[in-house]
Amino acid sequence: MLRIIDARTGEPVPAAPARRGFTRVEAHAPGRDTTGLRVLLVADVLVRTLELGGTPVWPLLTGEGEEARKELRADAAALGIRPFEESPGGPGRGQAIRVVRGDASASGGRVPGEGGAVRGDAAGSGGAGHGDASGVGDAGAAGDTAAGGGGPAGAASGREPLPDAATAPTLTVAPVDPAARDAVAGAGADVLRLALLERHRSTPVRLDTAALDEARATLTRLRRAVAVWARQPSRPVPGEVRDRLRAAWENDLDTPGLLRELRRVETDPDLADGARFETFAYADRLLGLDLTRDLGSLV
């Protein structure tokens, strides 16, 4: 079961207590900048994780004005982030999880540090676009205007309103510093996505030229490797590997831990190439890095 650090208390809680119960993921974007984009990326990973566990999800975007949300949606689509709805939907009230920019107003001054393991039983639980990221603006422009409140009321649509900030578990997302603004604007969206996933959501990210170059080199290497492994007979994902992958993403959306496990799989001499391929394809359902893009190409 996915467990997250609830920013309201700093304590681990199940993300969706009713495992297959309808769940709304409500992303409060602080504005059209790299921090707002990171909020949506974390919400996207949360949606993917819940869906992999069989939980039906309704993703919802709130925040700055309608035009800003429209532009942010376009940036998000280039980053391989699935569309977020404008209004509440689904059957009845359901469960809700809020994803907001991490600051004192959203988290009561307590933002979990990187790598803080979730206590409990998480360890025992057993397609992206490639557009230009030039539409992404500078970080730190606007705070999370919705941090203190819940989602849009559903009265106009005849639905029950979403749970408010006092009742919905809340994920905080640390800000992004686009230190090399020209490099960020020119980076491929998939490169930007990987650079953001390399850090835990609670850790601020500095996007300088070195970080983007490293992400670009890593993505190129992994795609080439996956294309080579795909030529070998398929093998199932080993059970112990699958368990470690799930333990990472179910532990407060630990994408850095997931990527570390993939690097271990990449170099493990005891794994068949067919098993490596299936492992990377399986993990990419959550990462959304299109790691199988180069299949059939000459590498």
Protein backbone atom coordinates (compact mmCIF):
# COMPACT_ATOMS: atom_id res chain seq x y z
CA MET A 1 0.00 0.00 0.00
CA LEU A 2 1.24 3.48 -0.88
CA ARG A 3 2.07 5.50 2.23
CA ILE A 4 2.88 9.21 2.16
CA ILE A 5 4.15 11.78 4.63
CA ASP A 6 1.13 13.96 5.37
CA ALA A 7 2.43 17.53 5.53
CA ARG A 8 -0.27 18.49 8.03
CA THR A 9 1.25 16.27 10.71
CA GLY A 10 4.63 15.07 9.39
CA GLU A 11 3.42 11.51 9.94
CA PRO A 12 3.04 8.63 7.45
CA VAL A 13 -0.51 7.77 6.37
CA PRO A 14 -2.05 5.53 3.70
CA ALA A 15 -2.54 7.63 0.57
CA ALA A 16 -5.86 5.93 -0.19
CA PRO A 17 -7.20 4.03 2.85
CA ALA A 18 -9.90 2.37 0.71
CA ARG A 19 -7.48 0.77 -1.73
CA ARG A 20 -9.87 0.54 -4.67
CA GLY A 21 -12.06 3.44 -3.60
CA PHE A 22 -12.52 6.37 -5.96
CA THR A 23 -9.82 8.98 -5.23
CA ARG A 24 -9.37 12.58 -6.33
CA VAL A 25 -5.82 13.88 -6.69
CA GLU A 26 -6.02 17.66 -6.39
CA ALA A 27 -2.96 19.57 -7.65
CA HIS A 28 -2.67 23.18 -6.47
CA ALA A 29 -0.22 24.74 -8.96
CA PRO A 30 1.41 27.96 -7.68
CA GLY A 31 1.69 29.43 -11.19
CA ARG A 32 3.16 28.83 -14.62
CA ASP A 33 6.77 28.22 -13.64
CA THR A 34 9.03 25.24 -13.02
CA THR A 35 7.75 24.86 -9.47
CA GLY A 36 4.16 24.70 -10.70
CA LEU A 37 5.26 22.14 -13.26
CA ARG A 38 6.93 20.09 -10.53
CA VAL A 39 3.72 20.12 -8.48
CA LEU A 40 1.89 18.66 -11.48
CA LEU A 41 4.67 16.12 -12.06
CA VAL A 42 4.44 14.84 -8.49
CA ALA A 43 0.66 14.66 -8.81
CA ASP A 44 1.10 12.73 -12.08
CA VAL A 45 3.41 10.20 -10.38
CA LEU A 46 0.89 9.89 -7.55
CA VAL A 47 -1.92 9.20 -10.04
CA ARG A 48 0.19 6.57 -11.83
CA THR A 49 1.08 4.87 -8.54
CA LEU A 50 -2.52 4.68 -7.37
CA GLU A 51 -3.67 3.34 -10.74
CA LEU A 52 -0.96 0.66 -10.72
CA GLY A 53 -2.44 -0.47 -7.40
CA GLY A 54 -5.95 -0.65 -8.88
CA THR A 55 -7.30 2.60 -7.41
CA PRO A 56 -9.52 4.68 -9.77
CA VAL A 57 -8.36 8.31 -9.84
CA TRP A 58 -9.79 11.66 -10.90
CA PRO A 59 -6.94 14.23 -11.34
CA LEU A 60 -7.96 17.83 -10.67
CA LEU A 61 -6.00 21.08 -11.25
CA THR A 62 -6.62 24.28 -9.29
CA GLY A 63 -4.52 27.39 -8.75
CA GLU A 64 -3.91 30.69 -10.56
CA GLY A 65 -6.32 32.01 -13.21
CA GLU A 66 -7.87 30.01 -16.02
CA GLU A 67 -5.38 31.25 -18.65
CA ALA A 68 -2.39 30.38 -16.45
CA ARG A 69 -3.81 26.89 -15.89
CA LYS A 70 -4.31 26.48 -19.64
CA GLU A 71 -0.67 27.40 -20.32
CA LEU A 72 0.53 25.16 -17.50
CA ARG A 73 -1.45 22.27 -18.99
CA ALA A 74 0.35 22.75 -22.30
CA ASP A 75 3.74 22.70 -20.55
CA ALA A 76 2.67 19.63 -18.58
CA ALA A 77 1.56 17.76 -21.70
CA ALA A 78 5.02 18.22 -23.20
CA LEU A 79 6.46 16.73 -20.01
CA GLY A 80 4.38 13.57 -20.38
CA ILE A 81 1.97 14.60 -17.61
CA ARG A 82 -1.52 13.29 -18.13
CA PRO A 83 -4.40 15.79 -18.46
CA PHE A 84 -5.88 17.18 -15.23
CA GLU A 85 -9.54 18.09 -15.03
CA GLU A 86 -10.99 21.54 -14.26
CA SER A 87 -13.85 20.38 -12.06
CA PRO A 88 -14.58 17.62 -9.52
CA GLY A 89 -16.02 14.44 -10.97
CA GLY A 90 -16.72 10.82 -10.22
CA PRO A 91 -19.15 9.08 -7.89
CA GLY A 92 -19.88 11.04 -4.74
CA ARG A 93 -17.34 12.44 -2.32
CA GLY A 94 -14.75 9.66 -2.34
CA GLN A 95 -11.21 10.11 -1.06
CA ALA A 96 -8.95 13.05 -1.81
CA ILE A 97 -5.23 13.85 -1.70
CA ARG A 98 -3.86 17.36 -2.11
CA VAL A 99 -0.51 18.17 -3.79
CA VAL A 100 0.76 21.67 -3.02
CA ARG A 101 3.92 23.74 -3.05
CA GLY A 102 5.88 23.10 0.14
CA ASP A 103 6.04 26.14 2.40
CA ALA A 104 5.15 26.99 5.99
CA SER A 105 1.54 27.83 5.13
CA ALA A 106 0.96 24.46 3.47
CA SER A 107 2.82 22.23 5.89
CA GLY A 108 2.75 23.97 9.23
CA GLY A 109 6.47 24.68 8.86
CA ARG A 110 7.36 20.98 8.64
CA VAL A 111 8.63 19.77 5.30
CA PRO A 112 9.96 16.20 5.34
CA GLY A 113 13.60 15.78 4.34
CA GLU A 114 14.89 13.71 1.47
CA GLY A 115 15.07 9.97 1.95
CA GLY A 116 12.98 9.88 5.14
CA ALA A 117 11.56 6.37 5.11
CA VAL A 118 7.89 5.94 5.82
CA ARG A 119 7.28 3.88 8.91
CA GLY A 120 4.83 1.02 8.66
CA ASP A 121 4.36 -1.88 6.26
CA ALA A 122 5.18 -0.20 2.94
CA ALA A 123 8.31 -2.27 2.41
CA GLY A 124 6.38 -5.48 2.69
CA SER A 125 3.80 -4.60 0.07
CA GLY A 126 4.24 -6.65 -2.56
CA GLY A 127 4.27 6.96 -21.98
CA ALA A 128 5.69 10.42 -22.13
CA GLY A 129 5.86 13.24 -24.63
CA HIS A 130 9.04 14.90 -25.92
CA GLY A 131 8.06 18.47 -26.64
CA ASP A 132 10.12 21.61 -26.10
CA ALA A 133 10.13 22.85 -22.51
CA SER A 134 10.61 26.45 -23.63
CA GLY A 135 7.19 27.45 -22.28
CA VAL A 136 8.34 26.84 -18.71
CA GLY A 137 8.95 30.10 -16.87
CA ASP A 138 11.14 30.96 -13.89
CA ALA A 139 10.64 29.41 -10.48
CA GLY A 140 9.55 31.22 -7.39
CA ALA A 141 7.14 33.61 -9.06
CA ALA A 142 3.95 33.03 -7.10
CA GLY A 143 3.18 31.12 -3.92
CA ASP A 144 0.55 28.47 -3.60
CA THR A 145 -2.59 30.54 -3.41
CA ALA A 146 -4.66 27.47 -2.68
CA ALA A 147 -2.49 26.09 0.12
CA GLY A 148 -4.91 27.08 2.80
CA GLY A 149 -8.10 25.82 1.19
CA GLY A 150 -9.69 22.83 -0.43
CA GLY A 151 -10.68 22.25 -4.02
CA PRO A 152 -13.53 23.84 -5.91
CA ALA A 153 -16.94 23.21 -4.47
CA GLY A 154 -19.04 20.75 -6.38
CA ALA A 155 -22.39 22.29 -5.62
CA ALA A 156 -22.80 23.78 -9.09
CA SER A 157 -22.41 20.37 -10.68
CA GLY A 158 -24.65 18.66 -8.14
CA ARG A 159 -21.75 16.77 -6.60
CA GLU A 160 -20.54 16.83 -3.04
CA PRO A 161 -17.62 19.24 -2.43
CA LEU A 162 -14.10 17.90 -2.15
CA PRO A 163 -12.64 17.37 1.33
CA ASP A 164 -10.90 20.55 2.46
CA ALA A 165 -7.33 21.08 3.67
CA ALA A 166 -8.26 20.06 7.21
CA THR A 167 -9.34 16.56 6.20
CA ALA A 168 -7.41 15.62 3.03
CA PRO A 169 -3.86 14.21 3.29
CA THR A 170 -1.42 16.70 1.78
CA LEU A 171 1.78 16.19 -0.18
CA THR A 172 4.19 19.13 -0.30
CA VAL A 173 6.54 19.78 -3.23
CA ALA A 174 9.75 21.77 -2.76
CA PRO A 175 10.52 24.63 -5.17
CA VAL A 176 12.67 24.51 -8.29
CA ASP A 177 15.53 26.92 -8.98
CA PRO A 178 16.09 27.15 -12.76
CA ALA A 179 19.69 28.31 -12.27
CA ALA A 180 20.48 27.98 -15.99
CA ARG A 181 17.34 29.49 -17.46
CA ASP A 182 18.42 29.21 -21.09
CA ALA A 183 19.42 25.58 -20.58
CA VAL A 184 16.08 24.79 -18.94
CA ALA A 185 14.19 26.48 -21.78
CA GLY A 186 16.16 24.50 -24.37
CA ALA A 187 16.12 21.15 -22.62
CA GLY A 188 13.94 18.41 -23.97
CA ALA A 189 10.87 17.85 -21.85
CA ASP A 190 11.88 14.25 -21.13
CA VAL A 191 15.27 15.47 -19.89
CA LEU A 192 13.56 17.97 -17.59
CA ARG A 193 11.23 15.26 -16.31
CA LEU A 194 14.14 12.97 -15.37
CA ALA A 195 16.09 15.81 -13.74
CA LEU A 196 13.08 16.51 -11.50
CA LEU A 197 12.45 12.84 -10.71
CA GLU A 198 16.09 12.41 -9.57
CA ARG A 199 15.29 14.35 -6.38
CA HIS A 200 12.71 13.52 -3.72
CA ARG A 201 9.68 15.80 -3.94
CA SER A 202 10.52 17.34 -0.53
CA THR A 203 14.00 18.43 -1.66
CA PRO A 204 14.52 21.70 -3.56
CA VAL A 205 15.89 21.18 -7.07
CA ARG A 206 18.54 23.33 -8.74
CA LEU A 207 18.35 22.95 -12.50
CA ASP A 208 21.78 24.03 -13.68
CA THR A 209 23.60 22.99 -16.84
CA ALA A 210 25.37 20.10 -15.10
CA ALA A 211 22.11 18.59 -13.78
CA LEU A 212 20.44 18.81 -17.19
CA ASP A 213 23.47 17.39 -19.02
CA GLU A 214 23.60 14.47 -16.57
CA ALA A 215 19.88 13.76 -17.07
CA ARG A 216 20.28 13.91 -20.86
CA ALA A 217 23.23 11.49 -20.80
CA THR A 218 21.41 9.11 -18.44
CA LEU A 219 18.28 9.07 -20.58
CA THR A 220 20.28 8.40 -23.75
CA ARG A 221 22.20 5.55 -22.09
CA LEU A 222 19.12 3.88 -20.65
CA ARG A 223 17.13 4.07 -23.89
CA ARG A 224 19.98 2.54 -25.84
CA ALA A 225 20.37 -0.22 -23.27
CA VAL A 226 16.63 -0.99 -23.31
CA ALA A 227 16.70 -1.19 -27.13
CA VAL A 228 19.56 -3.71 -26.96
CA TRP A 229 17.92 -5.81 -24.22
CA ALA A 230 14.71 -5.96 -26.25
CA ARG A 231 16.48 -8.11 -28.85
CA GLN A 232 16.86 -10.94 -26.36
CA PRO A 233 14.18 -13.45 -25.33
CA SER A 234 11.76 -11.95 -22.85
CA ARG A 235 12.00 -12.96 -19.20
CA PRO A 236 9.64 -12.06 -16.35
CA VAL A 237 10.55 -9.39 -13.82
CA PRO A 238 12.14 -11.30 -10.90
CA GLY A 239 9.88 -11.28 -7.86
CA GLU A 240 12.49 -9.77 -5.56
CA VAL A 241 13.18 -6.98 -8.07
CA ARG A 242 9.47 -6.22 -8.43
CA ASP A 243 9.17 -6.05 -4.63
CA ARG A 244 12.06 -3.57 -4.38
CA LEU A 245 10.59 -1.37 -7.09
CA ARG A 246 7.20 -1.30 -5.39
CA ALA A 247 8.81 -0.72 -1.98
CA ALA A 248 10.45 2.42 -3.41
CA TRP A 249 7.43 4.00 -5.05
CA GLU A 250 5.08 3.02 -2.21
CA ASN A 251 7.43 4.69 0.28
CA ASP A 252 6.31 8.32 -0.07
CA LEU A 253 6.77 8.28 -3.88
CA ASP A 254 10.52 7.68 -3.59
CA THR A 255 11.44 8.17 -7.26
CA PRO A 256 15.19 8.59 -6.48
CA GLY A 257 15.07 5.18 -4.78
CA LEU A 258 13.28 3.71 -7.78
CA LEU A 259 15.92 5.08 -10.14
CA ARG A 260 18.70 3.68 -7.91
CA GLU A 261 17.09 0.26 -8.11
CA LEU A 262 16.97 0.50 -11.91
CA ARG A 263 20.67 1.32 -11.98
CA ARG A 264 21.32 -1.78 -9.90
CA VAL A 265 19.27 -3.87 -12.35
CA GLU A 266 21.19 -2.32 -15.25
CA THR A 267 24.51 -3.70 -13.98
CA ASP A 268 23.46 -6.90 -12.16
CA PRO A 269 25.45 -9.72 -13.83
CA ASP A 270 22.96 -12.35 -12.65
CA LEU A 271 20.00 -10.91 -14.57
CA ALA A 272 19.15 -11.91 -18.12
CA ASP A 273 18.80 -9.06 -20.61
CA GLY A 274 15.19 -10.05 -21.25
CA ALA A 275 14.45 -9.57 -17.54
CA ARG A 276 16.20 -6.19 -17.56
CA PHE A 277 14.00 -5.08 -20.45
CA GLU A 278 10.78 -6.15 -18.75
CA THR A 279 11.90 -4.50 -15.48
CA PHE A 280 12.57 -1.15 -17.13
CA ALA A 281 9.32 -1.30 -19.12
CA TYR A 282 7.42 -2.07 -15.90
CA ALA A 283 9.02 0.79 -13.91
CA ASP A 284 8.46 3.21 -16.78
CA ARG A 285 4.70 2.89 -16.30
CA LEU A 286 5.30 5.08 -13.25
CA LEU A 287 8.32 7.14 -14.36
CA GLY A 288 6.83 8.10 -17.73
CA LEU A 289 10.25 8.52 -19.40
CA ASP A 290 9.43 6.57 -22.57
CA LEU A 291 12.42 4.30 -22.01
CA THR A 292 11.30 1.98 -24.83
CA ARG A 293 11.30 4.80 -27.42
CA ASP A 294 14.35 3.52 -29.31
CA LEU A 295 13.11 -0.04 -29.83
CA GLY A 296 13.90 -1.16 -33.38
CA SER A 297 16.48 1.57 -33.96
CA LEU A 298 20.15 1.02 -34.73
CA VAL A 299 22.15 1.60 -31.56
